[in-house]
Amino acid sequence: MRKILFCEFNLDTACVELRMDDGTLLSINCTAVENEVANSMYQQSELDWLIYNDPLAYAKLILNGTPELYLKAVTQKTPLD
């Protein structure tokens, strides 16, 4: 796999932008990913946290193709009593 040299969230485009070591530029549309992957507000919140606080981990998660497994592992719905 190519090495990621630069990664940041662009607030203007709502995309995580990456620059790879071979000069490739990638842009991940975060809104489209959330609409496709997140099934609850808890999952959307988890993705939002990653986007703003650790865009590199978010990009790796999306590029590896495992966001559903990650979201199932870290989010739990707890009923309010």
PDB file of N, CA and C in Angstrom:
ATOM      1  N   MET A   1       0.832  -1.176   0.000  1.00  0.00           N
ATOM      2  CA  MET A   1       0.000   0.000   0.000  1.00  0.00           C
ATOM      3  C   MET A   1       0.880   1.243   0.000  1.00  0.00           C
ATOM      4  N   ARG A   2       0.405   2.258  -0.659  1.00  0.00           N
ATOM      5  CA  ARG A   2       1.139   3.509  -0.712  1.00  0.00           C
ATOM      6  C   ARG A   2       1.138   4.191   0.647  1.00  0.00           C
ATOM      7  N   LYS A   3       2.183   4.982   0.864  1.00  0.00           N
ATOM      8  CA  LYS A   3       2.317   5.688   2.131  1.00  0.00           C
ATOM      9  C   LYS A   3       1.607   7.041   2.050  1.00  0.00           C
ATOM     10  N   ILE A   4       0.901   7.409   3.121  1.00  0.00           N
ATOM     11  CA  ILE A   4       0.202   8.680   3.195  1.00  0.00           C
ATOM     12  C   ILE A   4       1.178   9.724   3.742  1.00  0.00           C
ATOM     13  N   LEU A   5       1.412  10.782   2.962  1.00  0.00           N
ATOM     14  CA  LEU A   5       2.321  11.833   3.385  1.00  0.00           C
ATOM     15  C   LEU A   5       1.601  12.961   4.116  1.00  0.00           C
ATOM     16  N   PHE A   6       0.367  13.240   3.730  1.00  0.00           N
ATOM     17  CA  PHE A   6      -0.369  14.375   4.269  1.00  0.00           C
ATOM     18  C   PHE A   6      -1.839  14.013   4.357  1.00  0.00           C
ATOM     19  N   CYS A   7      -2.480  14.398   5.435  1.00  0.00           N
ATOM     20  CA  CYS A   7      -3.902  14.111   5.610  1.00  0.00           C
ATOM     21  C   CYS A   7      -4.517  15.191   6.483  1.00  0.00           C
ATOM     22  N   GLU A   8      -5.637  15.767   6.017  1.00  0.00           N
ATOM     23  CA  GLU A   8      -6.367  16.728   6.833  1.00  0.00           C
ATOM     24  C   GLU A   8      -7.814  16.804   6.376  1.00  0.00           C
ATOM     25  N   PHE A   9      -8.663  17.279   7.278  1.00  0.00           N
ATOM     26  CA  PHE A   9     -10.065  17.488   6.964  1.00  0.00           C
ATOM     27  C   PHE A   9     -10.246  18.906   6.437  1.00  0.00           C
ATOM     28  N   ASN A  10     -10.866  19.039   5.274  1.00  0.00           N
ATOM     29  CA  ASN A  10     -11.143  20.336   4.676  1.00  0.00           C
ATOM     30  C   ASN A  10     -12.591  20.690   4.992  1.00  0.00           C
ATOM     31  N   LEU A  11     -12.786  21.672   5.842  1.00  0.00           N
ATOM     32  CA  LEU A  11     -14.123  22.066   6.282  1.00  0.00           C
ATOM     33  C   LEU A  11     -14.955  22.644   5.135  1.00  0.00           C
ATOM     34  N   ASP A  12     -14.308  23.290   4.183  1.00  0.00           N
ATOM     35  CA  ASP A  12     -15.030  23.900   3.061  1.00  0.00           C
ATOM     36  C   ASP A  12     -15.680  22.865   2.145  1.00  0.00           C
ATOM     37  N   THR A  13     -15.024  21.735   1.958  1.00  0.00           N
ATOM     38  CA  THR A  13     -15.544  20.707   1.052  1.00  0.00           C
ATOM     39  C   THR A  13     -16.145  19.516   1.786  1.00  0.00           C
ATOM     40  N   ALA A  14     -15.982  19.451   3.108  1.00  0.00           N
ATOM     41  CA  ALA A  14     -16.421  18.316   3.939  1.00  0.00           C
ATOM     42  C   ALA A  14     -15.771  17.018   3.477  1.00  0.00           C
ATOM     43  N   CYS A  15     -14.493  17.114   3.127  1.00  0.00           N
ATOM     44  CA  CYS A  15     -13.738  15.950   2.651  1.00  0.00           C
ATOM     45  C   CYS A  15     -12.436  15.813   3.433  1.00  0.00           C
ATOM     46  N   VAL A  16     -12.010  14.577   3.633  1.00  0.00           N
ATOM     47  CA  VAL A  16     -10.678  14.312   4.150  1.00  0.00           C
ATOM     48  C   VAL A  16      -9.780  14.181   2.932  1.00  0.00           C
ATOM     49  N   GLU A  17      -8.748  15.010   2.878  1.00  0.00           N
ATOM     50  CA  GLU A  17      -7.870  15.049   1.718  1.00  0.00           C
ATOM     51  C   GLU A  17      -6.530  14.418   2.057  1.00  0.00           C
ATOM     52  N   LEU A  18      -6.039  13.582   1.140  1.00  0.00           N
ATOM     53  CA  LEU A  18      -4.800  12.836   1.341  1.00  0.00           C
ATOM     54  C   LEU A  18      -3.841  13.089   0.196  1.00  0.00           C
ATOM     55  N   ARG A  19      -2.553  13.106   0.514  1.00  0.00           N
ATOM     56  CA  ARG A  19      -1.513  13.115  -0.506  1.00  0.00           C
ATOM     57  C   ARG A  19      -0.646  11.881  -0.255  1.00  0.00           C
ATOM     58  N   MET A  20      -0.496  11.068  -1.295  1.00  0.00           N
ATOM     59  CA  MET A  20       0.278   9.832  -1.188  1.00  0.00           C
ATOM     60  C   MET A  20       1.722  10.067  -1.635  1.00  0.00           C
ATOM     61  N   ASP A  21       2.595   9.130  -1.295  1.00  0.00           N
ATOM     62  CA  ASP A  21       4.011   9.286  -1.616  1.00  0.00           C
ATOM     63  C   ASP A  21       4.306   9.257  -3.114  1.00  0.00           C
ATOM     64  N   ASP A  22       3.386   8.735  -3.924  1.00  0.00           N
ATOM     65  CA  ASP A  22       3.606   8.713  -5.376  1.00  0.00           C
ATOM     66  C   ASP A  22       2.999   9.940  -6.071  1.00  0.00           C
ATOM     67  N   GLY A  23       2.516  10.916  -5.273  1.00  0.00           N
ATOM     68  CA  GLY A  23       1.956  12.139  -5.829  1.00  0.00           C
ATOM     69  C   GLY A  23       0.452  12.113  -6.012  1.00  0.00           C
ATOM     70  N   THR A  24      -0.185  10.998  -5.739  1.00  0.00           N
ATOM     71  CA  THR A  24      -1.632  10.876  -5.882  1.00  0.00           C
ATOM     72  C   THR A  24      -2.347  11.713  -4.827  1.00  0.00           C
ATOM     73  N   LEU A  25      -3.389  12.406  -5.248  1.00  0.00           N
ATOM     74  CA  LEU A  25      -4.240  13.158  -4.337  1.00  0.00           C
ATOM     75  C   LEU A  25      -5.582  12.450  -4.247  1.00  0.00           C
ATOM     76  N   LEU A  26      -6.046  12.190  -3.028  1.00  0.00           N
ATOM     77  CA  LEU A  26      -7.341  11.556  -2.803  1.00  0.00           C
ATOM     78  C   LEU A  26      -8.202  12.472  -1.951  1.00  0.00           C
ATOM     79  N   SER A  27      -9.488  12.426  -2.203  1.00  0.00           N
ATOM     80  CA  SER A  27     -10.439  13.189  -1.412  1.00  0.00           C
ATOM     81  C   SER A  27     -11.585  12.254  -1.037  1.00  0.00           C
ATOM     82  N   ILE A  28     -11.820  12.080   0.256  1.00  0.00           N
ATOM     83  CA  ILE A  28     -12.886  11.216   0.749  1.00  0.00           C
ATOM     84  C   ILE A  28     -14.061  12.098   1.155  1.00  0.00           C
ATOM     85  N   ASN A  29     -15.186  11.945   0.492  1.00  0.00           N
ATOM     86  CA  ASN A  29     -16.388  12.717   0.791  1.00  0.00           C
ATOM     87  C   ASN A  29     -17.024  12.146   2.062  1.00  0.00           C
ATOM     88  N   CYS A  30     -16.867  12.855   3.163  1.00  0.00           N
ATOM     89  CA  CYS A  30     -17.316  12.358   4.463  1.00  0.00           C
ATOM     90  C   CYS A  30     -18.833  12.263   4.558  1.00  0.00           C
ATOM     91  N   THR A  31     -19.543  13.181   3.925  1.00  0.00           N
ATOM     92  CA  THR A  31     -21.008  13.150   3.948  1.00  0.00           C
ATOM     93  C   THR A  31     -21.519  11.896   3.246  1.00  0.00           C
ATOM     94  N   ALA A  32     -20.943  11.568   2.114  1.00  0.00           N
ATOM     95  CA  ALA A  32     -21.358  10.374   1.377  1.00  0.00           C
ATOM     96  C   ALA A  32     -21.056   9.102   2.167  1.00  0.00           C
ATOM     97  N   VAL A  33     -19.907   9.072   2.834  1.00  0.00           N
ATOM     98  CA  VAL A  33     -19.551   7.900   3.646  1.00  0.00           C
ATOM     99  C   VAL A  33     -20.536   7.740   4.794  1.00  0.00           C
ATOM    100  N   GLU A  34     -20.848   8.834   5.490  1.00  0.00           N
ATOM    101  CA  GLU A  34     -21.809   8.754   6.596  1.00  0.00           C
ATOM    102  C   GLU A  34     -23.174   8.276   6.117  1.00  0.00           C
ATOM    103  N   ASN A  35     -23.633   8.791   4.994  1.00  0.00           N
ATOM    104  CA  ASN A  35     -24.937   8.381   4.469  1.00  0.00           C
ATOM    105  C   ASN A  35     -24.963   6.905   4.099  1.00  0.00           C
ATOM    106  N   GLU A  36     -23.844   6.373   3.663  1.00  0.00           N
ATOM    107  CA  GLU A  36     -23.786   4.979   3.230  1.00  0.00           C
ATOM    108  C   GLU A  36     -23.555   4.013   4.387  1.00  0.00           C
ATOM    109  N   VAL A  37     -22.764   4.409   5.373  1.00  0.00           N
ATOM    110  CA  VAL A  37     -22.288   3.469   6.394  1.00  0.00           C
ATOM    111  C   VAL A  37     -23.019   3.593   7.729  1.00  0.00           C
ATOM    112  N   ALA A  38     -23.242   4.802   8.194  1.00  0.00           N
ATOM    113  CA  ALA A  38     -23.786   5.002   9.539  1.00  0.00           C
ATOM    114  C   ALA A  38     -25.292   4.750   9.569  1.00  0.00           C
ATOM    115  N   ASN A  39     -25.723   3.922  10.518  1.00  0.00           N
ATOM    116  CA  ASN A  39     -27.129   3.563  10.652  1.00  0.00           C
ATOM    117  C   ASN A  39     -27.816   4.246  11.820  1.00  0.00           C
ATOM    118  N   SER A  40     -27.063   4.924  12.665  1.00  0.00           N
ATOM    119  CA  SER A  40     -27.652   5.573  13.840  1.00  0.00           C
ATOM    120  C   SER A  40     -26.873   6.839  14.157  1.00  0.00           C
ATOM    121  N   MET A  41     -27.433   7.637  15.055  1.00  0.00           N
ATOM    122  CA  MET A  41     -26.750   8.872  15.436  1.00  0.00           C
ATOM    123  C   MET A  41     -25.463   8.569  16.200  1.00  0.00           C
ATOM    124  N   TYR A  42     -25.390   7.416  16.853  1.00  0.00           N
ATOM    125  CA  TYR A  42     -24.185   7.028  17.571  1.00  0.00           C
ATOM    126  C   TYR A  42     -23.048   6.745  16.594  1.00  0.00           C
ATOM    127  N   GLN A  43     -23.370   6.067  15.512  1.00  0.00           N
ATOM    128  CA  GLN A  43     -22.357   5.774  14.498  1.00  0.00           C
ATOM    129  C   GLN A  43     -21.934   7.050  13.778  1.00  0.00           C
ATOM    130  N   GLN A  44     -22.861   7.938  13.487  1.00  0.00           N
ATOM    131  CA  GLN A  44     -22.515   9.214  12.864  1.00  0.00           C
ATOM    132  C   GLN A  44     -21.613  10.032  13.782  1.00  0.00           C
ATOM    133  N   SER A  45     -21.913  10.011  15.062  1.00  0.00           N
ATOM    134  CA  SER A  45     -21.109  10.734  16.037  1.00  0.00           C
ATOM    135  C   SER A  45     -19.689  10.181  16.100  1.00  0.00           C
ATOM    136  N   GLU A  46     -19.549   8.883  16.052  1.00  0.00           N
ATOM    137  CA  GLU A  46     -18.221   8.261  16.080  1.00  0.00           C
ATOM    138  C   GLU A  46     -17.416   8.642  14.842  1.00  0.00           C
ATOM    139  N   LEU A  47     -18.054   8.609  13.677  1.00  0.00           N
ATOM    140  CA  LEU A  47     -17.363   9.011  12.454  1.00  0.00           C
ATOM    141  C   LEU A  47     -16.982  10.487  12.502  1.00  0.00           C
ATOM    142  N   ASP A  48     -17.871  11.329  13.005  1.00  0.00           N
ATOM    143  CA  ASP A  48     -17.568  12.758  13.127  1.00  0.00           C
ATOM    144  C   ASP A  48     -16.376  12.990  14.047  1.00  0.00           C
ATOM    145  N   TRP A  49     -16.340  12.261  15.156  1.00  0.00           N
ATOM    146  CA  TRP A  49     -15.213  12.411  16.077  1.00  0.00           C
ATOM    147  C   TRP A  49     -13.908  12.065  15.379  1.00  0.00           C
ATOM    148  N   LEU A  50     -13.888  10.969  14.638  1.00  0.00           N
ATOM    149  CA  LEU A  50     -12.677  10.583  13.916  1.00  0.00           C
ATOM    150  C   LEU A  50     -12.279  11.632  12.885  1.00  0.00           C
ATOM    151  N   ILE A  51     -13.257  12.134  12.149  1.00  0.00           N
ATOM    152  CA  ILE A  51     -12.972  13.117  11.101  1.00  0.00           C
ATOM    153  C   ILE A  51     -12.289  14.346  11.694  1.00  0.00           C
ATOM    154  N   TYR A  52     -12.807  14.868  12.778  1.00  0.00           N
ATOM    155  CA  TYR A  52     -12.284  16.107  13.349  1.00  0.00           C
ATOM    156  C   TYR A  52     -11.029  15.902  14.191  1.00  0.00           C
ATOM    157  N   ASN A  53     -10.910  14.769  14.871  1.00  0.00           N
ATOM    158  CA  ASN A  53      -9.810  14.562  15.810  1.00  0.00           C
ATOM    159  C   ASN A  53      -8.681  13.679  15.291  1.00  0.00           C
ATOM    160  N   ASP A  54      -8.982  12.774  14.371  1.00  0.00           N
ATOM    161  CA  ASP A  54      -7.954  11.882  13.851  1.00  0.00           C
ATOM    162  C   ASP A  54      -8.259  11.535  12.391  1.00  0.00           C
ATOM    163  N   PRO A  55      -8.117  12.521  11.488  1.00  0.00           N
ATOM    164  CA  PRO A  55      -8.460  12.260  10.081  1.00  0.00           C
ATOM    165  C   PRO A  55      -7.618  11.165   9.437  1.00  0.00           C
ATOM    166  N   LEU A  56      -6.396  10.962   9.919  1.00  0.00           N
ATOM    167  CA  LEU A  56      -5.562   9.895   9.367  1.00  0.00           C
ATOM    168  C   LEU A  56      -6.155   8.524   9.680  1.00  0.00           C
ATOM    169  N   ALA A  57      -6.605   8.313  10.898  1.00  0.00           N
ATOM    170  CA  ALA A  57      -7.239   7.043  11.263  1.00  0.00           C
ATOM    171  C   ALA A  57      -8.527   6.845  10.477  1.00  0.00           C
ATOM    172  N   TYR A  58      -9.285   7.919  10.281  1.00  0.00           N
ATOM    173  CA  TYR A  58     -10.511   7.850   9.485  1.00  0.00           C
ATOM    174  C   TYR A  58     -10.190   7.438   8.052  1.00  0.00           C
ATOM    175  N   ALA A  59      -9.190   8.072   7.463  1.00  0.00           N
ATOM    176  CA  ALA A  59      -8.810   7.754   6.083  1.00  0.00           C
ATOM    177  C   ALA A  59      -8.367   6.296   5.957  1.00  0.00           C
ATOM    178  N   LYS A  60      -7.562   5.833   6.899  1.00  0.00           N
ATOM    179  CA  LYS A  60      -7.112   4.432   6.862  1.00  0.00           C
ATOM    180  C   LYS A  60      -8.293   3.480   7.000  1.00  0.00           C
ATOM    181  N   LEU A  61      -9.238   3.822   7.854  1.00  0.00           N
ATOM    182  CA  LEU A  61     -10.436   3.002   8.049  1.00  0.00           C
ATOM    183  C   LEU A  61     -11.227   2.880   6.746  1.00  0.00           C
ATOM    184  N   ILE A  62     -11.419   3.982   6.058  1.00  0.00           N
ATOM    185  CA  ILE A  62     -12.176   3.979   4.808  1.00  0.00           C
ATOM    186  C   ILE A  62     -11.402   3.279   3.702  1.00  0.00           C
ATOM    187  N   LEU A  63     -10.114   3.536   3.598  1.00  0.00           N
ATOM    188  CA  LEU A  63      -9.305   2.923   2.541  1.00  0.00           C
ATOM    189  C   LEU A  63      -9.169   1.415   2.726  1.00  0.00           C
ATOM    190  N   ASN A  64      -9.184   0.950   3.973  1.00  0.00           N
ATOM    191  CA  ASN A  64      -9.125  -0.491   4.236  1.00  0.00           C
ATOM    192  C   ASN A  64     -10.459  -1.170   3.992  1.00  0.00           C
ATOM    193  N   GLY A  65     -11.534  -0.391   3.904  1.00  0.00           N
ATOM    194  CA  GLY A  65     -12.849  -0.946   3.603  1.00  0.00           C
ATOM    195  C   GLY A  65     -13.546  -1.612   4.765  1.00  0.00           C
ATOM    196  N   THR A  66     -13.230  -1.197   5.997  1.00  0.00           N
ATOM    197  CA  THR A  66     -13.824  -1.854   7.161  1.00  0.00           C
ATOM    198  C   THR A  66     -14.581  -0.912   8.102  1.00  0.00           C
ATOM    199  N   PRO A  67     -15.243   0.130   7.610  1.00  0.00           N
ATOM    200  CA  PRO A  67     -15.924   1.018   8.562  1.00  0.00           C
ATOM    201  C   PRO A  67     -17.098   0.360   9.280  1.00  0.00           C
ATOM    202  N   GLU A  68     -17.798  -0.555   8.626  1.00  0.00           N
ATOM    203  CA  GLU A  68     -18.936  -1.208   9.282  1.00  0.00           C
ATOM    204  C   GLU A  68     -18.487  -2.032  10.477  1.00  0.00           C
ATOM    205  N   LEU A  69     -17.399  -2.774  10.333  1.00  0.00           N
ATOM    206  CA  LEU A  69     -16.884  -3.581  11.445  1.00  0.00           C
ATOM    207  C   LEU A  69     -16.432  -2.695  12.594  1.00  0.00           C
ATOM    208  N   TYR A  70     -15.762  -1.609  12.265  1.00  0.00           N
ATOM    209  CA  TYR A  70     -15.311  -0.671  13.294  1.00  0.00           C
ATOM    210  C   TYR A  70     -16.498  -0.086  14.047  1.00  0.00           C
ATOM    211  N   LEU A  71     -17.510   0.358  13.319  1.00  0.00           N
ATOM    212  CA  LEU A  71     -18.665   0.979  13.959  1.00  0.00           C
ATOM    213  C   LEU A  71     -19.432   0.002  14.843  1.00  0.00           C
ATOM    214  N   LYS A  72     -19.527  -1.251  14.420  1.00  0.00           N
ATOM    215  CA  LYS A  72     -20.204  -2.249  15.253  1.00  0.00           C
ATOM    216  C   LYS A  72     -19.431  -2.497  16.542  1.00  0.00           C
ATOM    217  N   ALA A  73     -18.104  -2.391  16.477  1.00  0.00           N
ATOM    218  CA  ALA A  73     -17.278  -2.663  17.645  1.00  0.00           C
ATOM    219  C   ALA A  73     -17.265  -1.511  18.653  1.00  0.00           C
ATOM    220  N   VAL A  74     -17.394  -0.269  18.174  1.00  0.00           N
ATOM    221  CA  VAL A  74     -17.238   0.864  19.095  1.00  0.00           C
ATOM    222  C   VAL A  74     -18.533   1.531  19.506  1.00  0.00           C
ATOM    223  N   THR A  75     -19.627   1.261  18.843  1.00  0.00           N
ATOM    224  CA  THR A  75     -20.880   1.923  19.218  1.00  0.00           C
ATOM    225  C   THR A  75     -21.853   0.931  19.816  1.00  0.00           C
ATOM    226  N   GLN A  76     -22.521   1.386  20.852  1.00  0.00           N
ATOM    227  CA  GLN A  76     -23.541   0.581  21.503  1.00  0.00           C
ATOM    228  C   GLN A  76     -24.748   1.470  21.768  1.00  0.00           C
ATOM    229  N   LYS A  77     -25.898   0.944  21.530  1.00  0.00           N
ATOM    230  CA  LYS A  77     -27.119   1.678  21.858  1.00  0.00           C
ATOM    231  C   LYS A  77     -27.526   1.271  23.270  1.00  0.00           C
ATOM    232  N   THR A  78     -27.628   2.264  24.121  1.00  0.00           N
ATOM    233  CA  THR A  78     -28.056   1.979  25.491  1.00  0.00           C
ATOM    234  C   THR A  78     -29.410   2.647  25.714  1.00  0.00           C
ATOM    235  N   PRO A  79     -30.422   1.881  26.069  1.00  0.00           N
ATOM    236  CA  PRO A  79     -31.749   2.477  26.273  1.00  0.00           C
ATOM    237  C   PRO A  79     -31.768   3.358  27.518  1.00  0.00           C
ATOM    238  N   LEU A  80     -32.524   4.420  27.428  1.00  0.00           N
ATOM    239  CA  LEU A  80     -32.689   5.302  28.580  1.00  0.00           C
ATOM    240  C   LEU A  80     -33.824   4.754  29.443  1.00  0.00           C
ATOM    241  N   ASP A  81     -33.571   4.625  30.721  1.00  0.00           N
ATOM    242  CA  ASP A  81     -34.589   4.104  31.640  1.00  0.00           C
ATOM    243  C   ASP A  81     -35.435   5.180  32.224  1.00  0.00           C
TER     244      ASP A  81
END
